[in-house]
C-alpha cells in the first residue's frame, strides 16, 4: 500500500511533534498555531513566544479564525511576520482557571467546501497514478508478472480536499467514470483512515467493498 503523502508535509508534521505544546510563563493566553508545509520550524520555535507575547501586550488576541483566514493581509505586522514563517492559521483564548499561558502547534490538514466533485477527484487520481511518486509501485507490480496487479492507495490529510472529501462517509456515491490506469495496474483500491474504501475491478467497475465484498 502507498499513501498519497506530501513529503514536505510529512517533514513538517514530524518537526511539529517536538514543539506541539509550548508552556511559557510569559504568556497569559492559550494560542493555537497551525503551520503549513513551508513552515520554518527552527526560526518559528525561536520567535514564536516573543511575537505572541507582543500581541498580548498590544491587545491583539486573534480570537476568531476561519478556515480561509489570510494572515498575509492582517493589520498587525507581527501576525504577518508569523505568516511569512509558515503559519497559516492563528487564534487564542483566555487561559482557564489554574492554567498558564501556552502554545499548541499543529500541522495544517485538509479542508474546503462540502461538495461532491468527481471531476476534481478524477483529475487527482489520473495525475497520481501516472506520477513519479508511484513509479516504484508500478515497477514492482509489473515485475510480478501476475495477471492481476492490485494497487492500494491511502488518502490522508495531504490529499487535495475535493479528492479526499469524495470518500467521506456522508456519501454512498461512486465515481461515474472508470479510472485511467497505467498498464502496470489492473485493479485499484482507494481508502481513507476514517471514512470509506472503494475499489475498481475491470469486470465490475467501482464498488464499495464494505457493502459489496469483492467475492460477491
N, C-alpha and C. Protein backbone atom coordinates (compact mmCIF):
# COMPACT_ATOMS: atom_id res chain seq x y z
N UNK A 1 0.85 -1.20 0.00
CA UNK A 1 0.00 0.00 0.00
C UNK A 1 0.88 1.23 0.00
N UNK A 2 0.45 2.26 -0.71
CA UNK A 2 1.18 3.52 -0.75
C UNK A 2 0.23 4.64 -0.33
N UNK A 3 0.76 5.59 0.45
CA UNK A 3 -0.04 6.73 0.88
C UNK A 3 0.22 7.92 -0.02
N UNK A 4 -0.84 8.65 -0.33
CA UNK A 4 -0.72 9.90 -1.09
C UNK A 4 -0.27 10.98 -0.11
N UNK A 5 1.03 10.98 0.19
CA UNK A 5 1.57 11.85 1.23
C UNK A 5 2.55 12.85 0.65
N UNK A 6 2.31 14.13 0.92
CA UNK A 6 3.22 15.20 0.50
C UNK A 6 4.47 15.14 1.37
N UNK A 7 5.67 14.89 0.79
CA UNK A 7 6.88 14.77 1.59
C UNK A 7 7.17 16.01 2.43
N UNK A 8 6.85 17.20 1.90
CA UNK A 8 7.08 18.42 2.68
C UNK A 8 6.19 18.44 3.92
N UNK A 9 4.95 18.00 3.73
CA UNK A 9 4.03 17.96 4.87
C UNK A 9 4.52 16.96 5.91
N UNK A 10 5.01 15.81 5.46
CA UNK A 10 5.49 14.80 6.39
C UNK A 10 6.64 15.34 7.23
N UNK A 11 7.55 16.09 6.60
CA UNK A 11 8.69 16.65 7.33
C UNK A 11 8.22 17.67 8.37
N UNK A 12 7.26 18.51 7.99
CA UNK A 12 6.74 19.49 8.94
C UNK A 12 5.99 18.81 10.07
N UNK A 13 5.16 17.81 9.73
CA UNK A 13 4.40 17.10 10.77
C UNK A 13 5.32 16.44 11.77
N UNK A 14 6.43 15.87 11.31
CA UNK A 14 7.40 15.27 12.22
C UNK A 14 8.06 16.32 13.10
N UNK A 15 8.39 17.47 12.50
CA UNK A 15 9.03 18.54 13.27
C UNK A 15 8.11 19.13 14.31
N UNK A 16 6.82 19.20 13.99
CA UNK A 16 5.85 19.78 14.91
C UNK A 16 5.72 18.94 16.17
N UNK A 17 5.94 17.64 16.05
CA UNK A 17 5.81 16.78 17.23
C UNK A 17 6.75 17.21 18.36
N UNK A 18 7.88 17.80 18.00
CA UNK A 18 8.85 18.23 19.01
C UNK A 18 8.48 19.55 19.67
N UNK A 19 7.47 20.23 19.16
CA UNK A 19 7.10 21.53 19.72
C UNK A 19 5.58 21.68 19.79
N UNK A 20 4.88 20.55 19.92
CA UNK A 20 3.42 20.59 19.82
C UNK A 20 2.78 21.43 20.93
N UNK A 21 3.30 21.33 22.15
CA UNK A 21 2.79 22.14 23.25
C UNK A 21 3.97 22.88 23.88
N UNK A 22 3.89 24.20 23.90
CA UNK A 22 4.94 25.04 24.48
C UNK A 22 4.34 25.79 25.66
N UNK A 23 4.75 25.42 26.87
CA UNK A 23 4.30 26.14 28.07
C UNK A 23 5.27 27.29 28.33
N UNK A 24 4.72 28.47 28.54
CA UNK A 24 5.59 29.62 28.78
C UNK A 24 4.91 30.60 29.73
N UNK A 25 5.57 30.89 30.83
CA UNK A 25 5.00 31.76 31.85
C UNK A 25 4.84 33.20 31.44
N UNK A 26 5.48 33.59 30.33
CA UNK A 26 5.36 34.99 29.89
C UNK A 26 4.06 35.22 29.13
N UNK A 27 3.33 34.15 28.80
CA UNK A 27 2.07 34.27 28.08
C UNK A 27 0.90 34.13 29.06
N UNK A 28 -0.19 34.80 28.77
CA UNK A 28 -1.36 34.74 29.62
C UNK A 28 -2.53 34.03 28.94
N UNK A 29 -2.36 33.66 27.68
CA UNK A 29 -3.43 33.04 26.92
C UNK A 29 -2.96 31.70 26.33
N UNK A 30 -3.92 30.91 25.87
CA UNK A 30 -3.60 29.71 25.11
C UNK A 30 -3.72 30.05 23.63
N UNK A 31 -2.63 29.84 22.91
CA UNK A 31 -2.57 30.17 21.49
C UNK A 31 -2.60 28.88 20.67
N UNK A 32 -3.32 28.93 19.57
CA UNK A 32 -3.41 27.79 18.66
C UNK A 32 -2.77 28.22 17.33
N UNK A 33 -1.68 27.57 17.01
CA UNK A 33 -0.88 27.95 15.84
C UNK A 33 -0.88 26.77 14.86
N UNK A 34 -1.32 27.01 13.64
CA UNK A 34 -1.32 25.98 12.61
C UNK A 34 -0.30 26.36 11.54
N UNK A 35 0.58 25.42 11.23
CA UNK A 35 1.66 25.70 10.27
C UNK A 35 1.45 24.88 9.00
N UNK A 36 1.93 25.43 7.89
CA UNK A 36 1.83 24.76 6.60
C UNK A 36 3.11 24.06 6.22
N UNK A 37 3.14 23.43 5.03
CA UNK A 37 4.32 22.68 4.59
C UNK A 37 5.58 23.52 4.45
N UNK A 38 5.45 24.83 4.24
CA UNK A 38 6.62 25.69 4.05
C UNK A 38 7.11 26.31 5.36
N UNK A 39 6.61 25.85 6.48
CA UNK A 39 6.96 26.47 7.77
C UNK A 39 8.45 26.36 8.08
N UNK A 40 9.01 27.45 8.57
CA UNK A 40 10.41 27.48 9.02
C UNK A 40 10.42 27.16 10.52
N UNK A 41 10.40 25.88 10.86
CA UNK A 41 10.17 25.48 12.24
C UNK A 41 11.26 25.95 13.19
N UNK A 42 12.50 25.96 12.75
CA UNK A 42 13.58 26.36 13.65
C UNK A 42 13.46 27.82 14.07
N UNK A 43 13.26 28.70 13.11
CA UNK A 43 13.12 30.11 13.46
C UNK A 43 11.78 30.38 14.13
N UNK A 44 10.78 29.60 13.77
CA UNK A 44 9.47 29.77 14.39
C UNK A 44 9.54 29.41 15.87
N UNK A 45 10.22 28.34 16.17
CA UNK A 45 10.36 27.93 17.57
C UNK A 45 11.07 29.01 18.38
N UNK A 46 12.03 29.68 17.78
CA UNK A 46 12.79 30.74 18.46
C UNK A 46 11.96 31.99 18.65
N UNK A 47 11.14 32.34 17.66
CA UNK A 47 10.47 33.65 17.66
C UNK A 47 9.02 33.61 18.11
N UNK A 48 8.45 32.43 18.22
CA UNK A 48 7.01 32.33 18.47
C UNK A 48 6.59 32.98 19.79
N UNK A 49 7.28 32.66 20.88
CA UNK A 49 6.89 33.21 22.18
C UNK A 49 6.99 34.73 22.22
N UNK A 50 8.13 35.33 21.83
CA UNK A 50 8.19 36.80 21.89
C UNK A 50 7.18 37.49 20.98
N UNK A 51 6.87 36.90 19.82
CA UNK A 51 5.88 37.51 18.93
C UNK A 51 4.49 37.45 19.57
N UNK A 52 4.13 36.30 20.10
CA UNK A 52 2.82 36.17 20.72
C UNK A 52 2.71 37.00 22.00
N UNK A 53 3.80 37.10 22.74
CA UNK A 53 3.82 37.96 23.92
C UNK A 53 3.57 39.41 23.53
N UNK A 54 4.18 39.84 22.41
CA UNK A 54 3.95 41.19 21.92
C UNK A 54 2.51 41.41 21.50
N UNK A 55 1.89 40.38 20.90
CA UNK A 55 0.49 40.50 20.51
C UNK A 55 -0.40 40.64 21.75
N UNK A 56 -0.09 39.90 22.80
CA UNK A 56 -0.88 40.01 24.03
C UNK A 56 -0.77 41.42 24.62
N UNK A 57 0.44 41.96 24.67
CA UNK A 57 0.64 43.30 25.23
C UNK A 57 -0.10 44.36 24.41
N UNK A 58 -0.23 44.09 23.11
CA UNK A 58 -0.92 45.04 22.23
C UNK A 58 -2.44 44.83 22.23
N UNK A 59 -2.89 43.81 22.96
CA UNK A 59 -4.33 43.51 22.98
C UNK A 59 -4.83 42.87 21.70
N UNK A 60 -3.92 42.27 20.94
CA UNK A 60 -4.26 41.62 19.68
C UNK A 60 -4.38 40.11 19.94
N UNK A 61 -5.62 39.66 20.21
CA UNK A 61 -5.80 38.28 20.66
C UNK A 61 -6.20 37.30 19.55
N UNK A 62 -6.59 37.80 18.40
CA UNK A 62 -6.97 36.96 17.25
C UNK A 62 -7.91 35.84 17.72
N UNK A 63 -9.07 36.22 18.18
CA UNK A 63 -9.94 35.24 18.82
C UNK A 63 -10.80 34.46 17.82
N UNK A 64 -10.87 34.89 16.58
CA UNK A 64 -11.65 34.18 15.59
C UNK A 64 -10.75 33.77 14.42
N UNK A 65 -10.86 32.52 14.04
CA UNK A 65 -10.05 32.03 12.92
C UNK A 65 -10.92 31.18 12.00
N UNK A 66 -11.18 31.65 10.80
CA UNK A 66 -11.93 30.87 9.82
C UNK A 66 -10.96 29.99 9.05
N UNK A 67 -11.52 29.00 8.34
CA UNK A 67 -10.65 28.09 7.60
C UNK A 67 -9.83 28.83 6.54
N UNK A 68 -10.43 29.87 5.95
CA UNK A 68 -9.73 30.61 4.88
C UNK A 68 -9.06 31.87 5.41
N UNK A 69 -8.70 31.87 6.69
CA UNK A 69 -8.01 33.01 7.30
C UNK A 69 -6.75 33.36 6.49
N UNK A 70 -6.59 34.63 6.16
CA UNK A 70 -5.44 35.07 5.37
C UNK A 70 -4.58 35.99 6.24
N UNK A 71 -3.56 35.43 6.87
CA UNK A 71 -2.72 36.20 7.78
C UNK A 71 -1.83 37.18 7.04
N UNK A 72 -1.61 36.96 5.75
CA UNK A 72 -0.72 37.83 4.97
C UNK A 72 -1.26 39.25 4.85
N UNK A 73 -2.56 39.42 5.04
CA UNK A 73 -3.14 40.76 4.92
C UNK A 73 -3.64 41.27 6.27
N UNK A 74 -3.22 40.62 7.34
CA UNK A 74 -3.66 41.06 8.67
C UNK A 74 -3.10 42.45 8.98
N UNK A 75 -3.84 43.22 9.74
CA UNK A 75 -3.43 44.58 10.04
C UNK A 75 -2.24 44.70 10.97
N UNK A 76 -1.90 43.63 11.68
CA UNK A 76 -0.78 43.67 12.61
C UNK A 76 0.46 43.07 11.95
N UNK A 77 1.57 43.81 11.98
CA UNK A 77 2.80 43.37 11.32
C UNK A 77 3.35 42.09 11.94
N UNK A 78 3.14 41.90 13.25
CA UNK A 78 3.64 40.70 13.91
C UNK A 78 2.92 39.45 13.39
N UNK A 79 1.62 39.58 13.15
CA UNK A 79 0.87 38.46 12.59
C UNK A 79 1.35 38.17 11.17
N UNK A 80 1.61 39.20 10.40
CA UNK A 80 2.13 38.99 9.04
C UNK A 80 3.51 38.34 9.08
N UNK A 81 4.30 38.66 10.12
CA UNK A 81 5.62 38.04 10.26
C UNK A 81 5.48 36.54 10.52
N UNK A 82 4.47 36.15 11.29
CA UNK A 82 4.23 34.73 11.52
C UNK A 82 3.82 34.04 10.22
N UNK A 83 3.00 34.72 9.44
CA UNK A 83 2.60 34.14 8.15
C UNK A 83 3.81 33.92 7.26
N UNK A 84 4.75 34.85 7.28
CA UNK A 84 5.97 34.71 6.47
C UNK A 84 6.82 33.52 6.91
N UNK A 85 6.65 33.09 8.15
CA UNK A 85 7.40 31.94 8.66
C UNK A 85 6.64 30.62 8.48
N UNK A 86 5.46 30.69 7.82
CA UNK A 86 4.73 29.47 7.51
C UNK A 86 3.50 29.21 8.34
N UNK A 87 3.09 30.17 9.21
CA UNK A 87 1.87 30.00 9.98
C UNK A 87 0.68 30.30 9.07
N UNK A 88 -0.29 29.39 9.03
CA UNK A 88 -1.44 29.57 8.13
C UNK A 88 -2.72 29.90 8.89
N UNK A 89 -2.79 29.55 10.16
CA UNK A 89 -3.94 29.93 10.97
C UNK A 89 -3.48 30.23 12.40
N UNK A 90 -4.17 31.19 13.02
CA UNK A 90 -3.77 31.65 14.36
C UNK A 90 -5.01 32.10 15.11
N UNK A 91 -5.14 31.63 16.33
CA UNK A 91 -6.21 32.10 17.20
C UNK A 91 -5.79 31.88 18.65
N UNK A 92 -6.56 32.44 19.59
CA UNK A 92 -6.23 32.25 21.00
C UNK A 92 -7.50 32.34 21.84
N UNK A 93 -7.38 31.90 23.06
CA UNK A 93 -8.45 32.03 24.04
C UNK A 93 -7.83 32.39 25.38
N UNK A 94 -8.65 32.91 26.28
CA UNK A 94 -8.16 33.21 27.62
C UNK A 94 -7.82 31.91 28.34
N UNK A 95 -6.77 31.94 29.15
CA UNK A 95 -6.40 30.76 29.91
C UNK A 95 -7.49 30.41 30.92
N UNK A 96 -7.73 29.12 31.09
CA UNK A 96 -8.71 28.68 32.08
C UNK A 96 -8.14 28.83 33.49
N UNK A 97 -9.00 28.85 34.50
CA UNK A 97 -8.51 28.96 35.89
C UNK A 97 -7.48 27.87 36.22
N UNK A 98 -6.36 28.29 36.77
CA UNK A 98 -5.30 27.36 37.10
C UNK A 98 -4.41 26.95 35.94
N UNK A 99 -4.69 27.50 34.78
CA UNK A 99 -3.93 27.18 33.58
C UNK A 99 -3.01 28.33 33.23
N UNK A 100 -1.77 28.03 32.91
CA UNK A 100 -0.85 29.07 32.48
C UNK A 100 -0.92 29.28 30.97
N UNK A 101 -0.20 30.29 30.51
CA UNK A 101 -0.15 30.52 29.08
C UNK A 101 0.60 29.42 28.35
N UNK A 102 0.14 29.10 27.15
CA UNK A 102 0.82 28.05 26.38
C UNK A 102 0.49 28.20 24.90
N UNK A 103 1.23 27.46 24.10
CA UNK A 103 1.03 27.47 22.65
C UNK A 103 0.83 26.03 22.20
N UNK A 104 -0.19 25.80 21.42
CA UNK A 104 -0.41 24.49 20.81
C UNK A 104 -0.15 24.62 19.31
N UNK A 105 0.80 23.86 18.83
CA UNK A 105 1.21 23.94 17.43
C UNK A 105 0.77 22.67 16.70
N UNK A 106 0.14 22.84 15.56
CA UNK A 106 -0.28 21.70 14.75
C UNK A 106 0.03 21.96 13.29
N UNK A 107 0.19 20.88 12.55
CA UNK A 107 0.38 20.99 11.11
C UNK A 107 -0.98 21.09 10.44
N UNK A 108 -1.06 21.85 9.37
CA UNK A 108 -2.33 22.05 8.67
C UNK A 108 -2.79 20.73 8.07
N UNK A 109 -4.09 20.52 8.08
CA UNK A 109 -4.66 19.35 7.44
C UNK A 109 -5.26 19.73 6.10
N UNK A 110 -6.38 19.13 5.77
CA UNK A 110 -7.05 19.46 4.53
C UNK A 110 -8.50 19.81 4.83
N UNK A 111 -9.09 20.64 4.02
CA UNK A 111 -10.47 21.05 4.24
C UNK A 111 -10.94 21.92 3.10
N UNK A 112 -12.23 22.19 3.06
CA UNK A 112 -12.76 23.00 2.00
C UNK A 112 -14.27 22.88 1.92
N UNK A 113 -14.85 23.20 0.77
CA UNK A 113 -16.31 23.19 0.64
C UNK A 113 -16.88 21.78 0.73
N UNK A 114 -18.07 21.69 1.29
CA UNK A 114 -18.75 20.39 1.42
C UNK A 114 -19.53 20.14 0.14
N UNK A 115 -18.83 19.61 -0.84
CA UNK A 115 -19.47 19.32 -2.12
C UNK A 115 -18.77 18.14 -2.76
N UNK A 116 -19.53 17.39 -3.53
CA UNK A 116 -19.00 16.21 -4.21
C UNK A 116 -18.60 16.59 -5.63
N UNK A 117 -17.31 16.47 -5.94
CA UNK A 117 -16.80 16.91 -7.23
C UNK A 117 -15.99 15.76 -7.85
N UNK A 118 -16.65 14.93 -8.64
CA UNK A 118 -15.96 13.78 -9.22
C UNK A 118 -14.97 14.20 -10.31
N UNK A 119 -15.17 15.35 -10.92
CA UNK A 119 -14.19 15.82 -11.91
C UNK A 119 -12.86 16.09 -11.26
N UNK A 120 -12.86 16.80 -10.12
CA UNK A 120 -11.62 17.07 -9.39
C UNK A 120 -11.01 15.76 -8.89
N UNK A 121 -11.85 14.84 -8.43
CA UNK A 121 -11.37 13.53 -7.98
C UNK A 121 -10.66 12.81 -9.11
N UNK A 122 -11.29 12.80 -10.29
CA UNK A 122 -10.72 12.08 -11.43
C UNK A 122 -9.38 12.69 -11.86
N UNK A 123 -9.28 14.01 -11.86
CA UNK A 123 -8.03 14.67 -12.24
C UNK A 123 -6.92 14.32 -11.25
N UNK A 124 -7.24 14.37 -9.96
CA UNK A 124 -6.25 14.00 -8.94
C UNK A 124 -5.78 12.56 -9.13
N UNK A 125 -6.73 11.65 -9.33
CA UNK A 125 -6.40 10.23 -9.43
C UNK A 125 -5.54 9.95 -10.66
N UNK A 126 -5.89 10.53 -11.79
CA UNK A 126 -5.12 10.32 -13.01
C UNK A 126 -3.69 10.81 -12.85
N UNK A 127 -3.54 12.00 -12.28
CA UNK A 127 -2.19 12.55 -12.07
C UNK A 127 -1.39 11.68 -11.12
N UNK A 128 -2.03 11.23 -10.03
CA UNK A 128 -1.31 10.43 -9.04
C UNK A 128 -0.86 9.09 -9.60
N UNK A 129 -1.73 8.40 -10.32
CA UNK A 129 -1.40 7.07 -10.83
C UNK A 129 -0.24 7.10 -11.81
N UNK A 130 -0.08 8.22 -12.51
CA UNK A 130 1.00 8.33 -13.50
C UNK A 130 2.19 9.11 -12.98
N UNK A 131 2.16 9.49 -11.70
CA UNK A 131 3.19 10.36 -11.15
C UNK A 131 4.49 9.63 -10.85
N UNK A 132 5.56 10.41 -10.67
CA UNK A 132 6.86 9.86 -10.30
C UNK A 132 6.79 9.21 -8.92
N UNK A 133 5.92 9.72 -8.05
CA UNK A 133 5.81 9.16 -6.69
C UNK A 133 5.38 7.70 -6.71
N UNK A 134 4.60 7.32 -7.72
CA UNK A 134 4.13 5.94 -7.79
C UNK A 134 4.93 5.08 -8.75
N UNK A 135 6.06 5.60 -9.22
CA UNK A 135 6.88 4.85 -10.18
C UNK A 135 7.35 3.53 -9.59
N UNK A 136 7.79 3.55 -8.33
CA UNK A 136 8.27 2.33 -7.69
C UNK A 136 7.15 1.30 -7.57
N UNK A 137 5.95 1.76 -7.24
CA UNK A 137 4.81 0.85 -7.14
C UNK A 137 4.51 0.22 -8.49
N UNK A 138 4.50 1.02 -9.53
CA UNK A 138 4.22 0.49 -10.87
C UNK A 138 5.28 -0.52 -11.29
N UNK A 139 6.54 -0.20 -11.01
CA UNK A 139 7.64 -1.09 -11.38
C UNK A 139 7.52 -2.44 -10.67
N UNK A 140 7.23 -2.40 -9.38
CA UNK A 140 7.12 -3.65 -8.60
C UNK A 140 5.92 -4.49 -9.05
N UNK A 141 4.81 -3.82 -9.35
CA UNK A 141 3.65 -4.56 -9.83
C UNK A 141 3.94 -5.23 -11.17
N UNK A 142 4.58 -4.49 -12.07
CA UNK A 142 4.90 -5.07 -13.38
C UNK A 142 5.84 -6.26 -13.25
N UNK A 143 6.77 -6.18 -12.29
CA UNK A 143 7.77 -7.25 -12.11
C UNK A 143 7.15 -8.54 -11.62
N UNK A 144 5.96 -8.49 -11.04
CA UNK A 144 5.33 -9.72 -10.54
C UNK A 144 4.90 -10.64 -11.68
N UNK A 145 4.59 -10.07 -12.84
CA UNK A 145 4.10 -10.87 -13.95
C UNK A 145 2.71 -11.44 -13.72
N UNK A 146 2.06 -11.00 -12.65
CA UNK A 146 0.74 -11.52 -12.31
C UNK A 146 -0.32 -10.94 -13.24
N UNK A 147 -1.34 -11.72 -13.58
CA UNK A 147 -2.42 -11.17 -14.41
C UNK A 147 -3.26 -10.13 -13.66
N UNK A 148 -3.28 -10.22 -12.33
CA UNK A 148 -3.97 -9.22 -11.52
C UNK A 148 -2.94 -8.45 -10.71
N UNK A 149 -2.91 -7.14 -10.89
CA UNK A 149 -1.93 -6.30 -10.19
C UNK A 149 -2.70 -5.19 -9.46
N UNK A 150 -2.89 -5.41 -8.16
CA UNK A 150 -3.71 -4.52 -7.33
C UNK A 150 -2.86 -3.41 -6.73
N UNK A 151 -3.29 -2.18 -6.90
CA UNK A 151 -2.65 -1.03 -6.25
C UNK A 151 -3.56 -0.54 -5.12
N UNK A 152 -2.99 -0.43 -3.92
CA UNK A 152 -3.73 0.06 -2.75
C UNK A 152 -3.20 1.44 -2.39
N UNK A 153 -4.07 2.45 -2.42
CA UNK A 153 -3.65 3.84 -2.19
C UNK A 153 -4.44 4.41 -1.02
N UNK A 154 -3.70 4.95 -0.05
CA UNK A 154 -4.32 5.59 1.10
C UNK A 154 -4.43 7.08 0.91
N UNK A 155 -5.62 7.62 1.13
CA UNK A 155 -5.84 9.07 1.10
C UNK A 155 -5.71 9.60 2.52
N UNK A 156 -5.12 10.77 2.68
CA UNK A 156 -4.90 11.32 4.01
C UNK A 156 -5.03 12.83 3.97
N UNK A 157 -4.59 13.48 5.04
CA UNK A 157 -4.83 14.92 5.18
C UNK A 157 -3.95 15.78 4.28
N UNK A 158 -3.08 15.17 3.46
CA UNK A 158 -2.38 15.97 2.46
C UNK A 158 -2.93 15.73 1.06
N UNK A 159 -3.90 14.84 0.94
CA UNK A 159 -4.59 14.65 -0.33
C UNK A 159 -5.43 15.89 -0.62
N UNK A 160 -5.47 16.37 -1.86
CA UNK A 160 -6.32 17.53 -2.17
C UNK A 160 -7.74 17.33 -1.65
N UNK A 161 -8.30 18.39 -1.09
CA UNK A 161 -9.56 18.30 -0.37
C UNK A 161 -10.68 17.64 -1.18
N UNK A 162 -10.91 18.07 -2.41
CA UNK A 162 -12.04 17.56 -3.17
C UNK A 162 -11.91 16.07 -3.46
N UNK A 163 -10.68 15.57 -3.56
CA UNK A 163 -10.48 14.13 -3.73
C UNK A 163 -10.72 13.41 -2.42
N UNK A 164 -10.18 13.94 -1.33
CA UNK A 164 -10.34 13.31 -0.02
C UNK A 164 -11.81 13.32 0.40
N UNK A 165 -12.48 14.45 0.20
CA UNK A 165 -13.87 14.59 0.63
C UNK A 165 -14.80 13.67 -0.14
N UNK A 166 -14.44 13.32 -1.36
CA UNK A 166 -15.28 12.43 -2.16
C UNK A 166 -15.46 11.06 -1.49
N UNK A 167 -14.53 10.69 -0.62
CA UNK A 167 -14.63 9.42 0.10
C UNK A 167 -15.15 9.61 1.52
N UNK A 168 -15.77 10.73 1.78
CA UNK A 168 -16.38 10.94 3.09
C UNK A 168 -17.52 9.94 3.29
N UNK A 169 -17.72 9.50 4.54
CA UNK A 169 -18.77 8.52 4.79
C UNK A 169 -20.17 9.13 4.79
N UNK A 170 -20.28 10.43 4.50
CA UNK A 170 -21.62 11.01 4.34
C UNK A 170 -22.19 10.68 2.96
N UNK A 171 -21.36 10.14 2.07
CA UNK A 171 -21.79 9.79 0.71
C UNK A 171 -21.81 8.28 0.51
N UNK A 172 -22.61 7.85 -0.45
CA UNK A 172 -22.55 6.47 -0.92
C UNK A 172 -22.38 6.45 -2.44
N UNK A 173 -22.15 7.63 -3.02
CA UNK A 173 -21.94 7.72 -4.47
C UNK A 173 -20.60 7.09 -4.84
N UNK A 174 -20.51 6.67 -6.10
CA UNK A 174 -19.27 6.12 -6.64
C UNK A 174 -18.87 6.95 -7.87
N UNK A 175 -17.58 6.98 -8.20
CA UNK A 175 -17.15 7.76 -9.37
C UNK A 175 -17.89 7.32 -10.62
N UNK A 176 -18.31 8.27 -11.45
CA UNK A 176 -19.08 7.92 -12.65
C UNK A 176 -18.22 7.40 -13.80
N UNK A 177 -16.90 7.62 -13.72
CA UNK A 177 -16.01 7.21 -14.81
C UNK A 177 -15.01 6.17 -14.32
N UNK A 178 -14.59 5.29 -15.22
CA UNK A 178 -13.52 4.35 -14.89
C UNK A 178 -12.20 5.12 -14.73
N UNK A 179 -11.31 4.62 -13.89
CA UNK A 179 -10.01 5.29 -13.74
C UNK A 179 -9.14 5.06 -14.96
N UNK A 180 -8.26 6.01 -15.23
CA UNK A 180 -7.29 5.85 -16.32
C UNK A 180 -6.05 5.17 -15.74
N UNK A 181 -6.06 3.84 -15.77
CA UNK A 181 -4.98 3.08 -15.13
C UNK A 181 -3.78 2.94 -16.06
N UNK A 182 -2.57 3.11 -15.52
CA UNK A 182 -1.38 2.77 -16.31
C UNK A 182 -1.34 1.26 -16.53
N UNK A 183 -0.57 0.81 -17.48
CA UNK A 183 -0.56 -0.61 -17.86
C UNK A 183 -0.17 -1.52 -16.69
N UNK A 184 0.64 -1.01 -15.77
CA UNK A 184 1.13 -1.86 -14.68
C UNK A 184 0.06 -2.18 -13.64
N UNK A 185 -1.03 -1.43 -13.63
CA UNK A 185 -2.09 -1.60 -12.62
C UNK A 185 -3.35 -2.12 -13.28
N UNK A 186 -3.91 -3.21 -12.74
CA UNK A 186 -5.15 -3.76 -13.29
C UNK A 186 -6.34 -3.55 -12.35
N UNK A 187 -6.07 -3.47 -11.03
CA UNK A 187 -7.12 -3.31 -10.03
C UNK A 187 -6.71 -2.19 -9.07
N UNK A 188 -7.69 -1.45 -8.59
CA UNK A 188 -7.38 -0.28 -7.77
C UNK A 188 -8.24 -0.24 -6.52
N UNK A 189 -7.58 0.08 -5.38
CA UNK A 189 -8.27 0.27 -4.11
C UNK A 189 -7.89 1.65 -3.56
N UNK A 190 -8.89 2.41 -3.11
CA UNK A 190 -8.67 3.73 -2.52
C UNK A 190 -9.34 3.77 -1.16
N UNK A 191 -8.55 4.10 -0.12
CA UNK A 191 -9.07 4.06 1.25
C UNK A 191 -8.62 5.27 2.03
N UNK A 192 -9.47 5.72 2.95
CA UNK A 192 -9.06 6.71 3.94
C UNK A 192 -9.01 6.01 5.29
N UNK A 193 -8.37 6.67 6.27
CA UNK A 193 -8.24 6.06 7.59
C UNK A 193 -9.56 6.07 8.35
N UNK A 194 -10.39 7.06 8.11
CA UNK A 194 -11.58 7.22 8.95
C UNK A 194 -12.89 7.19 8.17
N UNK A 195 -12.84 7.08 6.86
CA UNK A 195 -14.08 7.15 6.09
C UNK A 195 -14.26 5.88 5.25
N UNK A 196 -14.36 6.03 3.94
CA UNK A 196 -14.72 4.92 3.08
C UNK A 196 -13.51 4.29 2.40
N UNK A 197 -13.77 3.08 1.88
CA UNK A 197 -12.84 2.42 0.98
C UNK A 197 -13.63 2.04 -0.26
N UNK A 198 -13.13 2.39 -1.45
CA UNK A 198 -13.78 1.98 -2.69
C UNK A 198 -12.75 1.27 -3.56
N UNK A 199 -13.23 0.46 -4.47
CA UNK A 199 -12.33 -0.31 -5.33
C UNK A 199 -12.86 -0.32 -6.75
N UNK A 200 -11.94 -0.54 -7.69
CA UNK A 200 -12.31 -0.68 -9.10
C UNK A 200 -11.70 -1.96 -9.64
N UNK A 201 -12.55 -2.84 -10.17
CA UNK A 201 -12.11 -4.06 -10.82
C UNK A 201 -12.57 -4.00 -12.27
N UNK A 202 -11.79 -4.51 -13.20
CA UNK A 202 -12.17 -4.38 -14.62
C UNK A 202 -13.48 -5.09 -14.98
N UNK A 203 -13.86 -6.12 -14.21
CA UNK A 203 -15.07 -6.87 -14.54
C UNK A 203 -16.31 -6.36 -13.82
N UNK A 204 -16.14 -5.37 -12.93
CA UNK A 204 -17.32 -4.88 -12.21
C UNK A 204 -17.33 -3.37 -11.98
N UNK A 205 -16.27 -2.69 -12.36
CA UNK A 205 -16.22 -1.24 -12.18
C UNK A 205 -16.03 -0.86 -10.72
N UNK A 206 -16.50 0.33 -10.35
CA UNK A 206 -16.36 0.81 -8.97
C UNK A 206 -17.37 0.13 -8.06
N UNK A 207 -16.93 -0.18 -6.85
CA UNK A 207 -17.84 -0.70 -5.83
C UNK A 207 -17.25 -0.40 -4.45
N UNK A 208 -18.08 -0.57 -3.44
CA UNK A 208 -17.64 -0.31 -2.07
C UNK A 208 -17.53 -1.65 -1.34
N UNK A 209 -16.32 -2.16 -1.08
CA UNK A 209 -16.15 -3.50 -0.51
C UNK A 209 -16.90 -3.72 0.80
N UNK A 210 -17.02 -2.70 1.65
CA UNK A 210 -17.72 -2.88 2.92
C UNK A 210 -19.20 -3.22 2.70
N UNK A 211 -19.75 -2.81 1.56
CA UNK A 211 -21.15 -3.07 1.27
C UNK A 211 -21.33 -4.22 0.28
N UNK A 212 -20.38 -4.39 -0.60
CA UNK A 212 -20.45 -5.44 -1.62
C UNK A 212 -19.07 -6.07 -1.74
N UNK A 213 -18.80 -7.11 -0.99
CA UNK A 213 -17.47 -7.69 -0.94
C UNK A 213 -17.01 -8.18 -2.31
N UNK A 214 -15.70 -8.15 -2.52
CA UNK A 214 -15.13 -8.39 -3.85
C UNK A 214 -15.45 -9.78 -4.38
N UNK A 215 -15.76 -10.74 -3.52
CA UNK A 215 -16.05 -12.08 -3.99
C UNK A 215 -17.53 -12.29 -4.25
N UNK A 216 -18.33 -11.23 -3.91
CA UNK A 216 -19.79 -11.39 -4.06
C UNK A 216 -20.21 -11.32 -5.52
